[in-house]
Protein backbone atom coordinates (compact mmCIF):
# COMPACT_ATOMS: atom_id res chain seq x y z
CA MET A 1 170.36 -242.00 -161.46
CA ASN A 2 166.56 -243.05 -162.62
CA PHE A 3 165.38 -241.82 -165.98
CA LYS A 4 162.08 -241.60 -164.76
CA LEU A 5 162.97 -238.97 -162.28
CA LEU A 6 164.66 -236.82 -164.68
CA LYS A 7 161.50 -237.04 -167.05
CA GLU A 8 159.37 -236.15 -163.94
CA LYS A 9 161.24 -233.24 -163.16
CA VAL A 10 162.62 -234.45 -159.45
CA VAL A 11 165.99 -234.48 -160.52
CA ALA A 12 168.08 -232.30 -163.08
CA GLU A 13 169.89 -233.22 -166.16
CA VAL A 14 172.98 -232.03 -164.49
CA GLU A 15 172.68 -234.70 -161.78
CA VAL A 16 171.84 -237.32 -164.14
CA ARG A 17 174.96 -236.71 -166.78
CA PRO A 18 177.89 -238.14 -164.56
CA SER A 19 175.97 -241.17 -163.57
CA GLN A 20 175.37 -241.56 -167.29
CA SER A 21 178.67 -241.19 -168.23
CA THR A 22 179.69 -243.47 -165.39
CA PHE A 23 177.55 -245.99 -166.57
CA ILE A 24 178.43 -245.74 -170.56
CA ALA A 25 182.19 -245.88 -169.26
CA LYS A 26 181.45 -249.74 -167.83
CA LYS A 27 178.74 -250.50 -170.45
CA GLN A 28 181.80 -250.06 -173.11
CA VAL A 29 184.31 -252.10 -170.99
CA LEU A 30 182.09 -254.88 -170.93
CA ASP A 31 181.30 -254.27 -174.55
CA GLN A 32 184.88 -254.85 -175.35
CA ALA A 33 185.54 -257.88 -172.72
CA LYS A 34 182.80 -259.36 -174.54
CA THR A 35 184.14 -258.81 -178.16
CA ALA A 36 187.80 -259.97 -176.46
CA PHE A 37 186.25 -263.50 -175.20
CA ASN A 38 184.68 -263.88 -178.92
CA ASN A 39 187.77 -263.39 -180.29
CA ASN A 40 189.34 -266.01 -178.22
CA GLU A 41 187.15 -268.40 -178.78
CA MET A 42 187.16 -267.84 -182.52
CA ALA A 43 190.92 -268.23 -182.51
CA GLN A 44 190.74 -271.54 -180.35
CA ASN A 45 188.08 -272.90 -182.94
CA GLN A 46 190.82 -271.97 -185.71
CA LYS A 47 193.64 -273.92 -183.38
CA ARG A 48 191.40 -277.07 -183.01
CA GLN A 49 190.69 -276.84 -187.07
CA GLU A 50 194.16 -276.67 -187.58
CA LEU A 51 194.68 -279.83 -185.41
CA LEU A 52 192.25 -281.71 -186.86
CA ASP A 53 193.82 -280.66 -190.23
CA LEU A 54 197.14 -281.85 -189.00
CA GLU A 55 195.85 -285.18 -187.88
CA LYS A 56 193.97 -285.87 -190.97
CA ILE A 57 197.28 -285.87 -193.01
CA ARG A 58 199.02 -287.79 -190.33
CA ILE A 59 196.37 -290.50 -191.00
CA GLN A 60 196.46 -290.13 -194.81
CA GLN A 61 200.19 -290.54 -194.67
CA TYR A 62 200.29 -293.46 -192.52
CA ASN A 63 197.74 -295.07 -194.38
CA SER A 64 199.70 -294.32 -197.91
CA TYR A 65 202.54 -296.45 -196.49
């Protein structure tokens, strides 16, 4: 529902609440998905850093022989 219509008293608040609840629920799902995506990216970056650290150690050990 359009909040402008509510403000202009074209529709009642009772008519707006269900669509507002639906919107909030869908926005919450979207926000959770974004958070999960960002957490996944951070985990991938941490694993890449671990791989780089291991490669650095491997090269250092190779060069010490």
